[in-house]
């Protein structure tokens, strides 16, 4: 899985706002990314988050923090 797919999957599964370092950590722990086979994966993940936020694919909530775009509206209790 490429770093962008991994980031989106982590954000979607979490359903919460996450700092990019948490996205990175969760992607590593879940085995979505292997930095040994993709040495530039961290930079690619950060770059993807920035680009995706600019394009509207995900939401940037603050400096370095992102969340998946809500599909149909506001979710309760958060």
PDB file of N, CA and C in Angstrom:
ATOM      1  N   UNK A   1       0.851  -1.168   0.000  1.00  0.00           N
ATOM      2  CA  UNK A   1       0.000   0.000   0.000  1.00  0.00           C
ATOM      3  C   UNK A   1       0.902   1.239   0.000  1.00  0.00           C
ATOM      4  N   UNK A   2       0.576   2.202  -0.826  1.00  0.00           N
ATOM      5  CA  UNK A   2       1.414   3.402  -0.855  1.00  0.00           C
ATOM      6  C   UNK A   2       1.082   4.310   0.344  1.00  0.00           C
ATOM      7  N   UNK A   3       1.960   5.239   0.676  1.00  0.00           N
ATOM      8  CA  UNK A   3       1.760   6.070   1.862  1.00  0.00           C
ATOM      9  C   UNK A   3       0.455   6.863   1.864  1.00  0.00           C
ATOM     10  N   UNK A   4       0.029   7.320   0.710  1.00  0.00           N
ATOM     11  CA  UNK A   4      -1.235   8.058   0.640  1.00  0.00           C
ATOM     12  C   UNK A   4      -2.425   7.178   0.981  1.00  0.00           C
ATOM     13  N   UNK A   5      -2.444   5.976   0.416  1.00  0.00           N
ATOM     14  CA  UNK A   5      -3.517   5.032   0.729  1.00  0.00           C
ATOM     15  C   UNK A   5      -3.513   4.694   2.219  1.00  0.00           C
ATOM     16  N   UNK A   6      -2.314   4.514   2.767  1.00  0.00           N
ATOM     17  CA  UNK A   6      -2.181   4.192   4.185  1.00  0.00           C
ATOM     18  C   UNK A   6      -2.705   5.328   5.051  1.00  0.00           C
ATOM     19  N   UNK A   7      -2.353   6.570   4.704  1.00  0.00           N
ATOM     20  CA  UNK A   7      -2.809   7.726   5.473  1.00  0.00           C
ATOM     21  C   UNK A   7      -4.327   7.837   5.441  1.00  0.00           C
ATOM     22  N   UNK A   8      -4.905   7.692   4.266  1.00  0.00           N
ATOM     23  CA  UNK A   8      -6.356   7.785   4.142  1.00  0.00           C
ATOM     24  C   UNK A   8      -7.040   6.677   4.938  1.00  0.00           C
ATOM     25  N   UNK A   9      -6.484   5.500   4.880  1.00  0.00           N
ATOM     26  CA  UNK A   9      -7.065   4.378   5.622  1.00  0.00           C
ATOM     27  C   UNK A   9      -7.020   4.627   7.128  1.00  0.00           C
ATOM     28  N   UNK A  10      -5.889   5.113   7.624  1.00  0.00           N
ATOM     29  CA  UNK A  10      -5.764   5.421   9.052  1.00  0.00           C
ATOM     30  C   UNK A  10      -6.773   6.493   9.455  1.00  0.00           C
ATOM     31  N   UNK A  11      -6.867   7.565   8.681  1.00  0.00           N
ATOM     32  CA  UNK A  11      -7.803   8.637   9.003  1.00  0.00           C
ATOM     33  C   UNK A  11      -9.249   8.156   8.967  1.00  0.00           C
ATOM     34  N   UNK A  12      -9.578   7.352   7.979  1.00  0.00           N
ATOM     35  CA  UNK A  12     -10.938   6.840   7.843  1.00  0.00           C
ATOM     36  C   UNK A  12     -11.284   5.895   8.987  1.00  0.00           C
ATOM     37  N   UNK A  13     -10.359   4.992   9.316  1.00  0.00           N
ATOM     38  CA  UNK A  13     -10.601   4.030  10.397  1.00  0.00           C
ATOM     39  C   UNK A  13     -10.721   4.723  11.751  1.00  0.00           C
ATOM     40  N   UNK A  14      -9.945   5.774  11.965  1.00  0.00           N
ATOM     41  CA  UNK A  14      -9.952   6.427  13.271  1.00  0.00           C
ATOM     42  C   UNK A  14     -11.212   7.262  13.481  1.00  0.00           C
ATOM     43  N   UNK A  15     -11.661   7.929  12.425  1.00  0.00           N
ATOM     44  CA  UNK A  15     -12.822   8.783  12.549  1.00  0.00           C
ATOM     45  C   UNK A  15     -12.581  10.011  13.411  1.00  0.00           C
ATOM     46  N   UNK A  16     -11.323  10.337  13.637  1.00  0.00           N
ATOM     47  CA  UNK A  16     -11.001  11.490  14.477  1.00  0.00           C
ATOM     48  C   UNK A  16      -9.892  12.311  13.842  1.00  0.00           C
ATOM     49  N   UNK A  17      -9.662  13.485  14.388  1.00  0.00           N
ATOM     50  CA  UNK A  17      -8.587  14.346  13.931  1.00  0.00           C
ATOM     51  C   UNK A  17      -7.269  13.824  14.484  1.00  0.00           C
ATOM     52  N   UNK A  18      -6.273  13.667  13.614  1.00  0.00           N
ATOM     53  CA  UNK A  18      -4.984  13.122  14.029  1.00  0.00           C
ATOM     54  C   UNK A  18      -3.842  13.992  13.525  1.00  0.00           C
ATOM     55  N   UNK A  19      -2.798  14.116  14.337  1.00  0.00           N
ATOM     56  CA  UNK A  19      -1.574  14.774  13.898  1.00  0.00           C
ATOM     57  C   UNK A  19      -0.872  13.822  12.937  1.00  0.00           C
ATOM     58  N   UNK A  20      -0.113  14.369  12.014  1.00  0.00           N
ATOM     59  CA  UNK A  20       0.525  13.514  11.008  1.00  0.00           C
ATOM     60  C   UNK A  20       1.446  12.476  11.650  1.00  0.00           C
ATOM     61  N   UNK A  21       2.039  12.790  12.800  1.00  0.00           N
ATOM     62  CA  UNK A  21       2.922  11.806  13.452  1.00  0.00           C
ATOM     63  C   UNK A  21       2.125  10.618  13.972  1.00  0.00           C
ATOM     64  N   UNK A  22       0.888  10.855  14.378  1.00  0.00           N
ATOM     65  CA  UNK A  22       0.016   9.761  14.833  1.00  0.00           C
ATOM     66  C   UNK A  22      -0.425   8.929  13.636  1.00  0.00           C
ATOM     67  N   UNK A  23      -0.735   9.603  12.523  1.00  0.00           N
ATOM     68  CA  UNK A  23      -1.092   8.879  11.292  1.00  0.00           C
ATOM     69  C   UNK A  23       0.072   7.969  10.896  1.00  0.00           C
ATOM     70  N   UNK A  24       1.277   8.496  10.915  1.00  0.00           N
ATOM     71  CA  UNK A  24       2.476   7.731  10.571  1.00  0.00           C
ATOM     72  C   UNK A  24       2.635   6.532  11.504  1.00  0.00           C
ATOM     73  N   UNK A  25       2.526   6.767  12.799  1.00  0.00           N
ATOM     74  CA  UNK A  25       2.700   5.703  13.789  1.00  0.00           C
ATOM     75  C   UNK A  25       1.654   4.605  13.618  1.00  0.00           C
ATOM     76  N   UNK A  26       0.417   4.988  13.433  1.00  0.00           N
ATOM     77  CA  UNK A  26      -0.652   3.987  13.265  1.00  0.00           C
ATOM     78  C   UNK A  26      -0.487   3.203  11.967  1.00  0.00           C
ATOM     79  N   UNK A  27      -0.043   3.872  10.916  1.00  0.00           N
ATOM     80  CA  UNK A  27       0.185   3.170   9.646  1.00  0.00           C
ATOM     81  C   UNK A  27       1.311   2.152   9.789  1.00  0.00           C
ATOM     82  N   UNK A  28       2.357   2.519  10.522  1.00  0.00           N
ATOM     83  CA  UNK A  28       3.455   1.578  10.760  1.00  0.00           C
ATOM     84  C   UNK A  28       2.995   0.400  11.603  1.00  0.00           C
ATOM     85  N   UNK A  29       2.311   0.691  12.696  1.00  0.00           N
ATOM     86  CA  UNK A  29       1.855  -0.364  13.612  1.00  0.00           C
ATOM     87  C   UNK A  29       0.879  -1.330  12.944  1.00  0.00           C
ATOM     88  N   UNK A  30       0.064  -0.811  12.040  1.00  0.00           N
ATOM     89  CA  UNK A  30      -0.907  -1.656  11.342  1.00  0.00           C
ATOM     90  C   UNK A  30      -0.262  -2.440  10.200  1.00  0.00           C
ATOM     91  N   UNK A  31       0.969  -2.090   9.867  1.00  0.00           N
ATOM     92  CA  UNK A  31       1.650  -2.777   8.777  1.00  0.00           C
ATOM     93  C   UNK A  31       1.273  -2.274   7.400  1.00  0.00           C
ATOM     94  N   UNK A  32       0.644  -1.105   7.336  1.00  0.00           N
ATOM     95  CA  UNK A  32       0.254  -0.539   6.040  1.00  0.00           C
ATOM     96  C   UNK A  32       1.462  -0.016   5.279  1.00  0.00           C
ATOM     97  N   UNK A  33       2.499   0.376   6.016  1.00  0.00           N
ATOM     98  CA  UNK A  33       3.707   0.937   5.416  1.00  0.00           C
ATOM     99  C   UNK A  33       4.913   0.195   5.967  1.00  0.00           C
ATOM    100  N   UNK A  34       5.845  -0.123   5.081  1.00  0.00           N
ATOM    101  CA  UNK A  34       7.107  -0.732   5.498  1.00  0.00           C
ATOM    102  C   UNK A  34       8.233   0.208   5.087  1.00  0.00           C
ATOM    103  N   UNK A  35       8.795   0.944   6.060  1.00  0.00           N
ATOM    104  CA  UNK A  35       9.841   1.905   5.715  1.00  0.00           C
ATOM    105  C   UNK A  35      11.133   1.261   5.224  1.00  0.00           C
ATOM    106  N   UNK A  36      11.267  -0.024   5.429  1.00  0.00           N
ATOM    107  CA  UNK A  36      12.464  -0.713   4.928  1.00  0.00           C
ATOM    108  C   UNK A  36      12.392  -0.904   3.411  1.00  0.00           C
ATOM    109  N   UNK A  37      11.196  -1.069   2.885  1.00  0.00           N
ATOM    110  CA  UNK A  37      11.052  -1.237   1.439  1.00  0.00           C
ATOM    111  C   UNK A  37      10.738   0.081   0.730  1.00  0.00           C
ATOM    112  N   UNK A  38      10.268   1.067   1.479  1.00  0.00           N
ATOM    113  CA  UNK A  38       9.978   2.401   0.941  1.00  0.00           C
ATOM    114  C   UNK A  38      10.654   3.435   1.842  1.00  0.00           C
ATOM    115  N   UNK A  39      11.945   3.669   1.658  1.00  0.00           N
ATOM    116  CA  UNK A  39      12.686   4.550   2.559  1.00  0.00           C
ATOM    117  C   UNK A  39      12.179   5.991   2.617  1.00  0.00           C
ATOM    118  N   UNK A  40      11.496   6.449   1.584  1.00  0.00           N
ATOM    119  CA  UNK A  40      10.980   7.821   1.590  1.00  0.00           C
ATOM    120  C   UNK A  40       9.499   7.879   1.968  1.00  0.00           C
ATOM    121  N   UNK A  41       8.992   6.816   2.599  1.00  0.00           N
ATOM    122  CA  UNK A  41       7.566   6.713   2.896  1.00  0.00           C
ATOM    123  C   UNK A  41       7.063   7.823   3.815  1.00  0.00           C
ATOM    124  N   UNK A  42       7.857   8.199   4.816  1.00  0.00           N
ATOM    125  CA  UNK A  42       7.404   9.247   5.736  1.00  0.00           C
ATOM    126  C   UNK A  42       7.215  10.570   5.002  1.00  0.00           C
ATOM    127  N   UNK A  43       8.185  10.951   4.207  1.00  0.00           N
ATOM    128  CA  UNK A  43       8.070  12.193   3.444  1.00  0.00           C
ATOM    129  C   UNK A  43       6.898  12.134   2.469  1.00  0.00           C
ATOM    130  N   UNK A  44       6.701  10.977   1.854  1.00  0.00           N
ATOM    131  CA  UNK A  44       5.598  10.812   0.911  1.00  0.00           C
ATOM    132  C   UNK A  44       4.249  10.924   1.623  1.00  0.00           C
ATOM    133  N   UNK A  45       4.153  10.374   2.828  1.00  0.00           N
ATOM    134  CA  UNK A  45       2.915  10.456   3.605  1.00  0.00           C
ATOM    135  C   UNK A  45       2.603  11.909   3.962  1.00  0.00           C
ATOM    136  N   UNK A  46       3.590  12.633   4.446  1.00  0.00           N
ATOM    137  CA  UNK A  46       3.393  14.038   4.813  1.00  0.00           C
ATOM    138  C   UNK A  46       3.011  14.861   3.584  1.00  0.00           C
ATOM    139  N   UNK A  47       3.680  14.612   2.482  1.00  0.00           N
ATOM    140  CA  UNK A  47       3.382  15.313   1.229  1.00  0.00           C
ATOM    141  C   UNK A  47       1.949  14.996   0.762  1.00  0.00           C
ATOM    142  N   UNK A  48       1.562  13.721   0.870  1.00  0.00           N
ATOM    143  CA  UNK A  48       0.215  13.331   0.453  1.00  0.00           C
ATOM    144  C   UNK A  48      -0.835  14.025   1.316  1.00  0.00           C
ATOM    145  N   UNK A  49      -0.622  14.062   2.638  1.00  0.00           N
ATOM    146  CA  UNK A  49      -1.580  14.722   3.526  1.00  0.00           C
ATOM    147  C   UNK A  49      -1.773  16.184   3.126  1.00  0.00           C
ATOM    148  N   UNK A  50      -0.684  16.874   2.870  1.00  0.00           N
ATOM    149  CA  UNK A  50      -0.745  18.274   2.482  1.00  0.00           C
ATOM    150  C   UNK A  50      -1.489  18.451   1.160  1.00  0.00           C
ATOM    151  N   UNK A  51      -1.131  17.650   0.177  1.00  0.00           N
ATOM    152  CA  UNK A  51      -1.771  17.731  -1.143  1.00  0.00           C
ATOM    153  C   UNK A  51      -3.258  17.379  -1.069  1.00  0.00           C
ATOM    154  N   UNK A  52      -3.577  16.337  -0.299  1.00  0.00           N
ATOM    155  CA  UNK A  52      -4.973  15.896  -0.177  1.00  0.00           C
ATOM    156  C   UNK A  52      -5.820  16.955   0.521  1.00  0.00           C
ATOM    157  N   UNK A  53      -5.248  17.622   1.503  1.00  0.00           N
ATOM    158  CA  UNK A  53      -5.979  18.689   2.189  1.00  0.00           C
ATOM    159  C   UNK A  53      -6.228  19.859   1.235  1.00  0.00           C
ATOM    160  N   UNK A  54      -5.230  20.195   0.428  1.00  0.00           N
ATOM    161  CA  UNK A  54      -5.388  21.279  -0.545  1.00  0.00           C
ATOM    162  C   UNK A  54      -6.447  20.958  -1.585  1.00  0.00           C
ATOM    163  N   UNK A  55      -6.516  19.702  -1.989  1.00  0.00           N
ATOM    164  CA  UNK A  55      -7.476  19.310  -3.018  1.00  0.00           C
ATOM    165  C   UNK A  55      -8.868  19.038  -2.455  1.00  0.00           C
ATOM    166  N   UNK A  56      -8.985  18.977  -1.130  1.00  0.00           N
ATOM    167  CA  UNK A  56     -10.289  18.746  -0.513  1.00  0.00           C
ATOM    168  C   UNK A  56     -10.627  17.293  -0.267  1.00  0.00           C
ATOM    169  N   UNK A  57      -9.681  16.393  -0.488  1.00  0.00           N
ATOM    170  CA  UNK A  57      -9.922  14.972  -0.254  1.00  0.00           C
ATOM    171  C   UNK A  57     -10.020  14.646   1.231  1.00  0.00           C
ATOM    172  N   UNK A  58      -9.267  15.383   2.041  1.00  0.00           N
ATOM    173  CA  UNK A  58      -9.328  15.278   3.494  1.00  0.00           C
ATOM    174  C   UNK A  58      -9.392  16.695   4.049  1.00  0.00           C
ATOM    175  N   UNK A  59      -9.590  16.817   5.346  1.00  0.00           N
ATOM    176  CA  UNK A  59      -9.669  18.140   5.955  1.00  0.00           C
ATOM    177  C   UNK A  59      -8.454  18.399   6.834  1.00  0.00           C
ATOM    178  N   UNK A  60      -7.880  19.582   6.693  1.00  0.00           N
ATOM    179  CA  UNK A  60      -6.809  20.017   7.580  1.00  0.00           C
ATOM    180  C   UNK A  60      -7.475  20.841   8.668  1.00  0.00           C
ATOM    181  N   UNK A  61      -7.297  20.446   9.928  1.00  0.00           N
ATOM    182  CA  UNK A  61      -7.987  21.130  11.015  1.00  0.00           C
ATOM    183  C   UNK A  61      -7.105  22.137  11.736  1.00  0.00           C
ATOM    184  N   UNK A  62      -5.793  21.940  11.661  1.00  0.00           N
ATOM    185  CA  UNK A  62      -4.831  22.811  12.316  1.00  0.00           C
ATOM    186  C   UNK A  62      -3.464  22.460  11.743  1.00  0.00           C
ATOM    187  N   UNK A  63      -2.430  23.115  12.213  1.00  0.00           N
ATOM    188  CA  UNK A  63      -1.085  22.826  11.723  1.00  0.00           C
ATOM    189  C   UNK A  63      -0.730  21.367  11.990  1.00  0.00           C
ATOM    190  N   UNK A  64      -0.553  20.606  10.930  1.00  0.00           N
ATOM    191  CA  UNK A  64      -0.136  19.211  11.049  1.00  0.00           C
ATOM    192  C   UNK A  64      -1.216  18.230  11.433  1.00  0.00           C
ATOM    193  N   UNK A  65      -2.466  18.684  11.570  1.00  0.00           N
ATOM    194  CA  UNK A  65      -3.546  17.770  11.952  1.00  0.00           C
ATOM    195  C   UNK A  65      -4.582  17.655  10.844  1.00  0.00           C
ATOM    196  N   UNK A  66      -5.058  16.437  10.655  1.00  0.00           N
ATOM    197  CA  UNK A  66      -5.950  16.124   9.544  1.00  0.00           C
ATOM    198  C   UNK A  66      -7.040  15.171  10.001  1.00  0.00           C
ATOM    199  N   UNK A  67      -8.124  15.129   9.227  1.00  0.00           N
ATOM    200  CA  UNK A  67      -9.166  14.135   9.444  1.00  0.00           C
ATOM    201  C   UNK A  67      -9.786  13.776   8.101  1.00  0.00           C
ATOM    202  N   UNK A  68     -10.394  12.599   8.066  1.00  0.00           N
ATOM    203  CA  UNK A  68     -11.072  12.174   6.849  1.00  0.00           C
ATOM    204  C   UNK A  68     -12.278  13.073   6.647  1.00  0.00           C
ATOM    205  N   UNK A  69     -12.592  13.326   5.406  1.00  0.00           N
ATOM    206  CA  UNK A  69     -13.757  14.138   5.087  1.00  0.00           C
ATOM    207  C   UNK A  69     -15.013  13.344   5.452  1.00  0.00           C
ATOM    208  N   UNK A  70     -15.932  13.986   6.170  1.00  0.00           N
ATOM    209  CA  UNK A  70     -17.150  13.279   6.561  1.00  0.00           C
ATOM    210  C   UNK A  70     -18.014  13.030   5.323  1.00  0.00           C
ATOM    211  N   UNK A  71     -18.541  11.812   5.255  1.00  0.00           N
ATOM    212  CA  UNK A  71     -19.263  11.388   4.073  1.00  0.00           C
ATOM    213  C   UNK A  71     -20.610  12.071   3.923  1.00  0.00           C
ATOM    214  N   UNK A  72     -21.386  12.138   5.021  1.00  0.00           N
ATOM    215  CA  UNK A  72     -22.736  12.643   4.848  1.00  0.00           C
ATOM    216  C   UNK A  72     -23.130  13.759   5.772  1.00  0.00           C
ATOM    217  N   UNK A  73     -22.286  14.136   6.679  1.00  0.00           N
ATOM    218  CA  UNK A  73     -22.649  15.208   7.593  1.00  0.00           C
ATOM    219  C   UNK A  73     -21.942  15.054   8.908  1.00  0.00           C
ATOM    220  N   UNK A  74     -22.402  15.810   9.873  1.00  0.00           N
ATOM    221  CA  UNK A  74     -21.757  15.807  11.178  1.00  0.00           C
ATOM    222  C   UNK A  74     -22.021  14.519  11.932  1.00  0.00           C
ATOM    223  N   UNK A  75     -20.994  14.034  12.575  1.00  0.00           N
ATOM    224  CA  UNK A  75     -21.140  12.852  13.406  1.00  0.00           C
ATOM    225  C   UNK A  75     -21.249  13.310  14.843  1.00  0.00           C
ATOM    226  N   UNK A  76     -22.028  12.617  15.633  1.00  0.00           N
ATOM    227  CA  UNK A  76     -22.240  12.994  17.016  1.00  0.00           C
ATOM    228  C   UNK A  76     -21.079  12.616  17.905  1.00  0.00           C
ATOM    229  N   UNK A  77     -21.105  13.089  19.100  1.00  0.00           N
ATOM    230  CA  UNK A  77     -20.131  12.829  20.174  1.00  0.00           C
ATOM    231  C   UNK A  77     -18.693  12.766  19.712  1.00  0.00           C
ATOM    232  N   UNK A  78     -18.025  13.853  19.791  1.00  0.00           N
ATOM    233  CA  UNK A  78     -16.653  13.835  19.364  1.00  0.00           C
ATOM    234  C   UNK A  78     -15.846  14.819  19.974  1.00  0.00           C
TER     235      UNK A  78
END
